[in-house]
Amino acid sequence: MHPILGAPRRLKTFALTWPAVGAALGILPLLWAGGALQDWWAAAIWGEVLALPMLASSYVCRAAPIARAGAGRVFLTVGTAAVLTTAAWLELGRWWFRAVAPLAPSPYERYAQITPPAAVGVALAFVAMSAINYAIAAADERQAAVARALEAEISAREAELRALRSQVDPHFLFNCLHSISALIASDPVTARWMCLELAEFFRESLRAGGQPRVPMTTEVALVRRYLEIERRRFGPRLDVAVTVASDAERALVPPLLLQPLAENAVRHGIATLVDGGRVTIDVARTGERIDMRVENPYDADGRRPGTHVGLTNVRARLDATYGSRASLTLDEGQDRFRAAISIPMEEGV
């Protein structure tokens, strides 16, 4: 694609500036040679014809790109093209001025005096246009390089997010199977119910996990379903309080972002307490940000050692999705643990 004809802004700039430049290339040599001012139109038309070879200079520059051709080749190629363009234009002028001599006699009469300044002018104009084409090519190459780098970064982040999402389900499945195995002998009915609910949860989580963002209502519904499964295991030991502000319900969030935090609260919090406790989940909107908080009590002496896969995964997903615009804050008190997420507000329909 031509760098000027294929770019509307550049084409508009060329269309606005070239008429004056082309006319000057024809009229100034005429005046310098002492031609009649009233014959300016013949010289102006002659100059305007140069628009075609000036645009064609782009192909000359492509034949000798600065990045791959040496300086000698560039000067030879552009110089040769400038000489050939000048010669062809001067010969065209001879025929043109002869044809319009009855209406504008002075250009043809003083053609010999017009030739030297006209030749210098068109040669310099061709060289200048070639320099502009080289500058445009360099700018386009930089822009293409930036676009390729951005595309590569986006692809890498998408691959990272897919990998991180793929870790959520196996990690959760492992913990749920561990819970089910503990109930098979003591409460087979509840264990069977948990298997059915687990299958339904995974069906919904897979549907949500295939999207880059889900509404907050969908995300909270998945967390509620997970906590309901765990309540069958813990019974009255597990109490749940979920609060979502009305102005945050339409917020878009990465899928399965809260679930690892809720799982962490149950496995490393409620499970360590003989009497259990309450898992509190609050979602609120503060200006143009969404704040999510998961809080739970725990017994410091009875906490199980963990791999921290869930929390590490959440932090990595936030970084891959939002960069420095999101945060995960962990507050480990004497008997309570709090995980707080803050992300930019993205509203869905």
Foldseek 3Di string as FASTA:
>chain_A
DQLQVVDVVSVVVCVVPVLVLLLCLQQVLCVVLPFDPVLSVLSSVLSSVCVVLLSVLLVLCVVAPPVPHPPVVNCVSLQVSLQVSLVVSLVVSQVSQVVCCVPGVRCNVSVVSSNPSSSVSSSVVSVVSNVVSNVSVVVVVVVVVVVVVVVVLLVVLVVVLVVLLVVVVVVVVVVLVVLLVVCCVPPVVLSVVLVVLVVVLVVLLVVLQVDQKDFPQSQVVSQVSVVVNVCSRVPQLEAEAEEEDPVRRQFIDGHPLCNLVSVCCVQFAQVQDPSHWYWYWYWDDDPQKIKIKTKGWHDPVRGDDDPCSSVVSSQSNCCSPPNPQKDWDWDDDPTMIMIMIMHGTDGDD
